[in-house]
Amino acid sequence: MRSISKKHVAIMLILVALSLMSGCTNWRAKYENLNVDNENLKGRYQLSQGQQQRLSERISQDQMTIEELRRQIEDMNKTPADASGFGPGFDVSVDSAAGTVTVTLPNTILFASGKAQLLSTTIKELGQIASVLKSQYSNRRVDVVGHTDTDPIRKSGWADNWELSSERALSVLRDLEKKGVSSKLLRACGCGSARPVASNASAAGKAKNRRVEIVVYMR
């Protein structure tokens, strides 16, 4: 068997070394590729986190929008009288064209026949009205308007229905003022029988015409 020369041995060692060096290069390349993949995964994760955050914010905004729409629908379903704040216990009308809110109080709960002194049972109702005027209409002008039917004055001592309606309006005004409604915003007037809301030919119609209106001007 021919002996291997030193030269051959050296060549073989060089080939082995080159082979080992080629293996190391492959591992380094694999490591670098894995590192690139890792960075890509980190970028995708951060992107997904941002998308999730934006989605959460959108959901939150949508929920707020839904709640706002629900509130608007509830407000739309309210009648103007309910929205006025005086509550269902009062006869309230809203005139959008005139910009007024009117609370109508029948004389039967305010005064005895032919009198202008407030009944004690009326104080509670006027207290509730005064509370709403102060809390929701604190800067609005308020007219207190008295009305009567067409029956002439006979025994009560008033000069006529004009005087009676004016004095009744003043009684209500003074009570509202006493309860804290600003006197600068209040005004009283009497219309007598000049502005009926029903026919004076019947007792029921006359009863509707005998009233005091509290008119709030919204503009």
C-alpha atoms as a PDB file:
ATOM      1  CA  MET A   1       0.000   0.000   0.000  1.00  0.00           C
ATOM      2  CA  ARG A   2       1.355   3.314  -1.070  1.00  0.00           C
ATOM      3  CA  SER A   3       2.087   5.604   1.836  1.00  0.00           C
ATOM      4  CA  ILE A   4       0.349   8.963   1.939  1.00  0.00           C
ATOM      5  CA  SER A   5       2.737  11.789   1.492  1.00  0.00           C
ATOM      6  CA  LYS A   6       2.790  14.839   3.654  1.00  0.00           C
ATOM      7  CA  LYS A   7       1.590  16.836   0.712  1.00  0.00           C
ATOM      8  CA  HIS A   8      -1.527  14.716   0.388  1.00  0.00           C
ATOM      9  CA  VAL A   9      -2.151  14.965   4.094  1.00  0.00           C
ATOM     10  CA  ALA A  10      -1.946  18.741   3.910  1.00  0.00           C
ATOM     11  CA  ILE A  11      -4.396  18.833   1.029  1.00  0.00           C
ATOM     12  CA  MET A  12      -6.829  16.642   2.908  1.00  0.00           C
ATOM     13  CA  LEU A  13      -6.606  18.865   5.973  1.00  0.00           C
ATOM     14  CA  ILE A  14      -7.276  21.919   3.828  1.00  0.00           C
ATOM     15  CA  LEU A  15     -10.351  20.212   2.338  1.00  0.00           C
ATOM     16  CA  VAL A  16     -11.639  19.276   5.801  1.00  0.00           C
ATOM     17  CA  ALA A  17     -11.105  22.827   7.029  1.00  0.00           C
ATOM     18  CA  LEU A  18     -12.945  24.239   4.017  1.00  0.00           C
ATOM     19  CA  SER A  19     -15.787  21.836   4.678  1.00  0.00           C
ATOM     20  CA  LEU A  20     -16.002  22.912   8.325  1.00  0.00           C
ATOM     21  CA  MET A  21     -15.863  26.563   7.350  1.00  0.00           C
ATOM     22  CA  SER A  22     -18.678  25.991   4.846  1.00  0.00           C
ATOM     23  CA  GLY A  23     -20.787  24.424   7.636  1.00  0.00           C
ATOM     24  CA  CYS A  24     -20.235  27.416   9.936  1.00  0.00           C
ATOM     25  CA  THR A  25     -21.273  29.793   7.188  1.00  0.00           C
ATOM     26  CA  ASN A  26     -24.541  27.871   6.712  1.00  0.00           C
ATOM     27  CA  TRP A  27     -25.378  28.083  10.436  1.00  0.00           C
ATOM     28  CA  ARG A  28     -24.644  31.819  10.452  1.00  0.00           C
ATOM     29  CA  ALA A  29     -26.956  32.317   7.493  1.00  0.00           C
ATOM     30  CA  LYS A  30     -29.683  30.287   9.192  1.00  0.00           C
ATOM     31  CA  TYR A  31     -29.278  32.374  12.344  1.00  0.00           C
ATOM     32  CA  GLU A  32     -29.527  35.590  10.375  1.00  0.00           C
ATOM     33  CA  ASN A  33     -32.616  34.313   8.559  1.00  0.00           C
ATOM     34  CA  LEU A  34     -34.257  33.360  11.838  1.00  0.00           C
ATOM     35  CA  ASN A  35     -33.427  36.774  13.250  1.00  0.00           C
ATOM     36  CA  VAL A  36     -35.092  38.429  10.246  1.00  0.00           C
ATOM     37  CA  ASP A  37     -38.156  36.230  10.705  1.00  0.00           C
ATOM     38  CA  ASN A  38     -38.274  37.161  14.384  1.00  0.00           C
ATOM     39  CA  GLU A  39     -38.159  40.861  13.572  1.00  0.00           C
ATOM     40  CA  ASN A  40     -40.930  40.384  11.044  1.00  0.00           C
ATOM     41  CA  LEU A  41     -43.054  38.585  13.612  1.00  0.00           C
ATOM     42  CA  LYS A  42     -42.448  41.379  16.124  1.00  0.00           C
ATOM     43  CA  GLY A  43     -43.542  43.945  13.546  1.00  0.00           C
ATOM     44  CA  ARG A  44     -46.688  41.991  12.745  1.00  0.00           C
ATOM     45  CA  TYR A  45     -47.481  41.648  16.445  1.00  0.00           C
ATOM     46  CA  GLN A  46     -47.093  45.378  17.018  1.00  0.00           C
ATOM     47  CA  LEU A  47     -49.262  46.043  13.963  1.00  0.00           C
ATOM     48  CA  SER A  48     -51.958  43.694  15.258  1.00  0.00           C
ATOM     49  CA  GLN A  49     -51.809  45.374  18.672  1.00  0.00           C
ATOM     50  CA  GLY A  50     -52.345  48.761  17.048  1.00  0.00           C
ATOM     51  CA  GLN A  51     -55.235  47.436  15.004  1.00  0.00           C
ATOM     52  CA  GLN A  52     -56.779  45.899  18.117  1.00  0.00           C
ATOM     53  CA  GLN A  53     -56.446  49.216  19.979  1.00  0.00           C
ATOM     54  CA  ARG A  54     -58.091  51.111  17.122  1.00  0.00           C
ATOM     55  CA  LEU A  55     -60.858  48.510  16.979  1.00  0.00           C
ATOM     56  CA  SER A  56     -61.476  48.868  20.713  1.00  0.00           C
ATOM     57  CA  GLU A  57     -61.644  52.648  20.370  1.00  0.00           C
ATOM     58  CA  ARG A  58     -64.055  52.316  17.429  1.00  0.00           C
ATOM     59  CA  ILE A  59     -66.276  49.957  19.406  1.00  0.00           C
ATOM     60  CA  SER A  60     -66.266  52.414  22.319  1.00  0.00           C
ATOM     61  CA  GLN A  61     -67.170  55.285  19.994  1.00  0.00           C
ATOM     62  CA  ASP A  62     -69.910  53.222  18.372  1.00  0.00           C
ATOM     63  CA  GLN A  63     -71.352  52.420  21.795  1.00  0.00           C
ATOM     64  CA  MET A  64     -71.345  56.130  22.645  1.00  0.00           C
ATOM     65  CA  THR A  65     -73.050  56.870  19.334  1.00  0.00           C
ATOM     66  CA  ILE A  66     -75.691  54.235  20.011  1.00  0.00           C
ATOM     67  CA  GLU A  67     -76.360  55.699  23.466  1.00  0.00           C
ATOM     68  CA  GLU A  68     -76.632  59.190  22.010  1.00  0.00           C
ATOM     69  CA  LEU A  69     -79.065  57.965  19.354  1.00  0.00           C
ATOM     70  CA  ARG A  70     -81.110  56.222  22.033  1.00  0.00           C
ATOM     71  CA  ARG A  71     -81.311  59.441  24.041  1.00  0.00           C
ATOM     72  CA  GLN A  72     -82.326  61.406  20.952  1.00  0.00           C
ATOM     73  CA  ILE A  73     -85.070  58.892  20.179  1.00  0.00           C
ATOM     74  CA  GLU A  74     -86.340  59.135  23.751  1.00  0.00           C
ATOM     75  CA  ASP A  75     -86.379  62.931  23.483  1.00  0.00           C
ATOM     76  CA  MET A  76     -88.237  62.739  20.174  1.00  0.00           C
ATOM     77  CA  ASN A  77     -90.854  60.488  21.756  1.00  0.00           C
ATOM     78  CA  LYS A  78     -91.518  63.044  24.475  1.00  0.00           C
ATOM     79  CA  THR A  79     -94.379  65.427  23.962  1.00  0.00           C
ATOM     80  CA  PRO A  80     -93.501  69.143  24.091  1.00  0.00           C
ATOM     81  CA  ALA A  81     -95.325  69.392  27.418  1.00  0.00           C
ATOM     82  CA  ASP A  82     -93.208  66.603  28.919  1.00  0.00           C
ATOM     83  CA  ALA A  83     -90.049  68.272  27.629  1.00  0.00           C
ATOM     84  CA  SER A  84     -91.005  71.581  29.247  1.00  0.00           C
ATOM     85  CA  GLY A  85     -90.073  70.324  32.703  1.00  0.00           C
ATOM     86  CA  PHE A  86     -93.344  71.162  34.455  1.00  0.00           C
ATOM     87  CA  GLY A  87     -94.420  67.529  34.513  1.00  0.00           C
ATOM     88  CA  PRO A  88     -97.648  65.694  33.694  1.00  0.00           C
ATOM     89  CA  GLY A  89     -99.585  67.227  36.590  1.00  0.00           C
ATOM     90  CA  PHE A  90    -100.020  70.559  34.796  1.00  0.00           C
ATOM     91  CA  ASP A  91    -101.852  71.715  31.687  1.00  0.00           C
ATOM     92  CA  VAL A  92     -98.851  72.755  29.597  1.00  0.00           C
ATOM     93  CA  SER A  93     -98.844  73.854  25.968  1.00  0.00           C
ATOM     94  CA  VAL A  94     -95.888  74.756  23.757  1.00  0.00           C
ATOM     95  CA  ASP A  95     -96.176  77.218  20.888  1.00  0.00           C
ATOM     96  CA  SER A  96     -93.071  76.783  18.751  1.00  0.00           C
ATOM     97  CA  ALA A  97     -94.019  79.607  16.403  1.00  0.00           C
ATOM     98  CA  ALA A  98     -94.456  82.104  19.233  1.00  0.00           C
ATOM     99  CA  GLY A  99     -91.598  80.627  21.258  1.00  0.00           C
ATOM    100  CA  THR A 100     -93.678  80.247  24.414  1.00  0.00           C
ATOM    101  CA  VAL A 101     -94.427  77.641  27.050  1.00  0.00           C
ATOM    102  CA  THR A 102     -97.762  78.188  28.796  1.00  0.00           C
ATOM    103  CA  VAL A 103     -98.990  76.647  32.026  1.00  0.00           C
ATOM    104  CA  THR A 104    -102.767  77.047  32.432  1.00  0.00           C
ATOM    105  CA  LEU A 105    -104.286  76.979  35.906  1.00  0.00           C
ATOM    106  CA  PRO A 106    -108.079  76.848  36.204  1.00  0.00           C
ATOM    107  CA  ASN A 107    -109.660  79.323  38.600  1.00  0.00           C
ATOM    108  CA  THR A 108    -111.300  76.454  40.473  1.00  0.00           C
ATOM    109  CA  ILE A 109    -107.945  75.564  42.064  1.00  0.00           C
ATOM    110  CA  LEU A 110    -106.834  79.186  42.482  1.00  0.00           C
ATOM    111  CA  PHE A 111    -109.717  81.289  43.758  1.00  0.00           C
ATOM    112  CA  ALA A 112    -113.153  81.158  45.288  1.00  0.00           C
ATOM    113  CA  SER A 113    -115.935  82.556  43.128  1.00  0.00           C
ATOM    114  CA  GLY A 114    -115.542  86.313  42.614  1.00  0.00           C
ATOM    115  CA  LYS A 115    -112.365  86.433  44.757  1.00  0.00           C
ATOM    116  CA  ALA A 116    -108.753  87.294  43.962  1.00  0.00           C
ATOM    117  CA  GLN A 117    -107.173  85.807  47.086  1.00  0.00           C
ATOM    118  CA  LEU A 118    -105.331  82.542  46.451  1.00  0.00           C
ATOM    119  CA  LEU A 119    -106.723  79.388  48.030  1.00  0.00           C
ATOM    120  CA  SER A 120    -104.403  77.678  50.481  1.00  0.00           C
ATOM    121  CA  THR A 121    -104.601  74.459  48.454  1.00  0.00           C
ATOM    122  CA  THR A 122    -102.994  76.261  45.512  1.00  0.00           C
ATOM    123  CA  ILE A 123     -99.761  77.108  47.291  1.00  0.00           C
ATOM    124  CA  LYS A 124     -98.208  73.686  46.587  1.00  0.00           C
ATOM    125  CA  GLU A 125     -98.923  73.848  42.840  1.00  0.00           C
ATOM    126  CA  LEU A 126     -97.483  77.342  42.553  1.00  0.00           C
ATOM    127  CA  GLY A 127     -94.456  76.211  44.529  1.00  0.00           C
ATOM    128  CA  GLN A 128     -93.733  73.506  41.955  1.00  0.00           C
ATOM    129  CA  ILE A 129     -94.161  75.985  39.113  1.00  0.00           C
ATOM    130  CA  ALA A 130     -91.867  78.496  40.808  1.00  0.00           C
ATOM    131  CA  SER A 131     -89.238  75.786  41.283  1.00  0.00           C
ATOM    132  CA  VAL A 132     -89.260  74.947  37.563  1.00  0.00           C
ATOM    133  CA  LEU A 133     -89.155  78.627  36.589  1.00  0.00           C
ATOM    134  CA  LYS A 134     -86.099  79.183  38.775  1.00  0.00           C
ATOM    135  CA  SER A 135     -84.218  76.056  37.738  1.00  0.00           C
ATOM    136  CA  GLN A 136     -84.981  75.846  34.018  1.00  0.00           C
ATOM    137  CA  TYR A 137     -86.194  79.292  32.977  1.00  0.00           C
ATOM    138  CA  SER A 138     -84.231  81.577  35.267  1.00  0.00           C
ATOM    139  CA  ASN A 139     -83.452  84.128  32.527  1.00  0.00           C
ATOM    140  CA  ARG A 140     -86.797  84.028  30.698  1.00  0.00           C
ATOM    141  CA  ARG A 141     -89.542  86.602  30.798  1.00  0.00           C
ATOM    142  CA  VAL A 142     -92.758  85.397  32.404  1.00  0.00           C
ATOM    143  CA  ASP A 143     -96.242  86.845  31.928  1.00  0.00           C
ATOM    144  CA  VAL A 144     -99.022  86.015  34.363  1.00  0.00           C
ATOM    145  CA  VAL A 145    -102.292  86.508  32.502  1.00  0.00           C
ATOM    146  CA  GLY A 146    -105.750  86.475  34.088  1.00  0.00           C
ATOM    147  CA  HIS A 147    -108.927  85.537  32.210  1.00  0.00           C
ATOM    148  CA  THR A 148    -112.638  85.427  33.079  1.00  0.00           C
ATOM    149  CA  ASP A 149    -115.871  84.346  31.441  1.00  0.00           C
ATOM    150  CA  THR A 150    -118.457  86.795  30.104  1.00  0.00           C
ATOM    151  CA  ASP A 151    -120.696  86.859  33.192  1.00  0.00           C
ATOM    152  CA  PRO A 152    -120.944  90.457  34.419  1.00  0.00           C
ATOM    153  CA  ILE A 153    -119.777  91.434  37.890  1.00  0.00           C
ATOM    154  CA  ARG A 154    -122.759  91.713  40.247  1.00  0.00           C
ATOM    155  CA  LYS A 155    -121.943  91.157  43.920  1.00  0.00           C
ATOM    156  CA  SER A 156    -118.156  90.763  44.247  1.00  0.00           C
ATOM    157  CA  GLY A 157    -117.381  94.485  44.303  1.00  0.00           C
ATOM    158  CA  TRP A 158    -115.045  94.542  41.311  1.00  0.00           C
ATOM    159  CA  ALA A 159    -115.585  97.226  38.726  1.00  0.00           C
ATOM    160  CA  ASP A 160    -115.688  94.658  35.901  1.00  0.00           C
ATOM    161  CA  ASN A 161    -114.075  91.469  34.611  1.00  0.00           C
ATOM    162  CA  TRP A 162    -110.994  93.422  33.541  1.00  0.00           C
ATOM    163  CA  GLU A 163    -110.289  94.389  37.107  1.00  0.00           C
ATOM    164  CA  LEU A 164    -111.034  90.931  38.476  1.00  0.00           C
ATOM    165  CA  SER A 165    -108.751  89.190  35.948  1.00  0.00           C
ATOM    166  CA  SER A 166    -105.970  91.715  36.616  1.00  0.00           C
ATOM    167  CA  GLU A 167    -106.130  91.291  40.383  1.00  0.00           C
ATOM    168  CA  ARG A 168    -106.077  87.522  40.073  1.00  0.00           C
ATOM    169  CA  ALA A 169    -103.007  87.708  37.828  1.00  0.00           C
ATOM    170  CA  LEU A 170    -101.330  89.983  40.377  1.00  0.00           C
ATOM    171  CA  SER A 171    -102.070  87.524  43.196  1.00  0.00           C
ATOM    172  CA  VAL A 172    -100.352  84.719  41.300  1.00  0.00           C
ATOM    173  CA  LEU A 173     -97.435  86.987  40.352  1.00  0.00           C
ATOM    174  CA  ARG A 174     -96.873  88.074  43.949  1.00  0.00           C
ATOM    175  CA  ASP A 175     -96.859  84.464  45.125  1.00  0.00           C
ATOM    176  CA  LEU A 176     -94.285  83.479  42.482  1.00  0.00           C
ATOM    177  CA  GLU A 177     -92.167  86.465  43.484  1.00  0.00           C
ATOM    178  CA  LYS A 178     -92.435  85.453  47.122  1.00  0.00           C
ATOM    179  CA  LYS A 179     -91.192  82.000  46.154  1.00  0.00           C
ATOM    180  CA  GLY A 180     -88.048  83.420  44.556  1.00  0.00           C
ATOM    181  CA  VAL A 181     -88.900  84.086  40.914  1.00  0.00           C
ATOM    182  CA  SER A 182     -87.110  87.285  39.880  1.00  0.00           C
ATOM    183  CA  SER A 183     -89.412  90.312  39.854  1.00  0.00           C
ATOM    184  CA  LYS A 184     -87.422  91.675  36.906  1.00  0.00           C
ATOM    185  CA  LEU A 185     -88.777  88.853  34.760  1.00  0.00           C
ATOM    186  CA  LEU A 186     -92.401  88.963  35.918  1.00  0.00           C
ATOM    187  CA  ARG A 187     -95.292  90.875  34.407  1.00  0.00           C
ATOM    188  CA  ALA A 188     -99.035  90.634  35.146  1.00  0.00           C
ATOM    189  CA  CYS A 189    -101.958  91.556  32.954  1.00  0.00           C
ATOM    190  CA  GLY A 190    -105.705  90.965  32.826  1.00  0.00           C
ATOM    191  CA  CYS A 191    -107.636  90.096  29.688  1.00  0.00           C
ATOM    192  CA  GLY A 192    -111.113  89.908  31.185  1.00  0.00           C
ATOM    193  CA  SER A 193    -113.328  87.820  28.898  1.00  0.00           C
ATOM    194  CA  ALA A 194    -111.620  89.013  25.684  1.00  0.00           C
ATOM    195  CA  ARG A 195    -109.646  85.801  24.996  1.00  0.00           C
ATOM    196  CA  PRO A 196    -111.916  82.795  25.531  1.00  0.00           C
ATOM    197  CA  VAL A 197    -110.738  79.263  24.812  1.00  0.00           C
ATOM    198  CA  ALA A 198    -114.251  77.814  24.797  1.00  0.00           C
ATOM    199  CA  SER A 199    -117.808  78.940  24.270  1.00  0.00           C
ATOM    200  CA  ASN A 200    -119.376  80.938  27.093  1.00  0.00           C
ATOM    201  CA  ALA A 201    -122.752  79.489  26.183  1.00  0.00           C
ATOM    202  CA  SER A 202    -122.252  76.518  28.528  1.00  0.00           C
ATOM    203  CA  ALA A 203    -121.148  76.139  32.131  1.00  0.00           C
ATOM    204  CA  ALA A 204    -118.272  73.873  31.043  1.00  0.00           C
ATOM    205  CA  GLY A 205    -117.095  76.461  28.532  1.00  0.00           C
ATOM    206  CA  LYS A 206    -117.235  79.248  31.111  1.00  0.00           C
ATOM    207  CA  ALA A 207    -115.212  77.130  33.537  1.00  0.00           C
ATOM    208  CA  LYS A 208    -112.464  76.717  30.916  1.00  0.00           C
ATOM    209  CA  ASN A 209    -112.391  80.447  30.249  1.00  0.00           C
ATOM    210  CA  ARG A 210    -111.902  81.305  33.932  1.00  0.00           C
ATOM    211  CA  ARG A 211    -108.190  80.706  34.215  1.00  0.00           C
ATOM    212  CA  VAL A 212    -104.718  82.131  34.844  1.00  0.00           C
ATOM    213  CA  GLU A 213    -101.945  81.474  32.357  1.00  0.00           C
ATOM    214  CA  ILE A 214     -98.243  81.544  33.192  1.00  0.00           C
ATOM    215  CA  VAL A 215     -96.519  82.270  29.887  1.00  0.00           C
ATOM    216  CA  VAL A 216     -92.756  81.720  29.571  1.00  0.00           C
ATOM    217  CA  TYR A 217     -91.042  83.416  26.620  1.00  0.00           C
ATOM    218  CA  MET A 218     -88.260  81.265  25.222  1.00  0.00           C
ATOM    219  CA  ARG A 219     -86.808  83.992  23.008  1.00  0.00           C
END
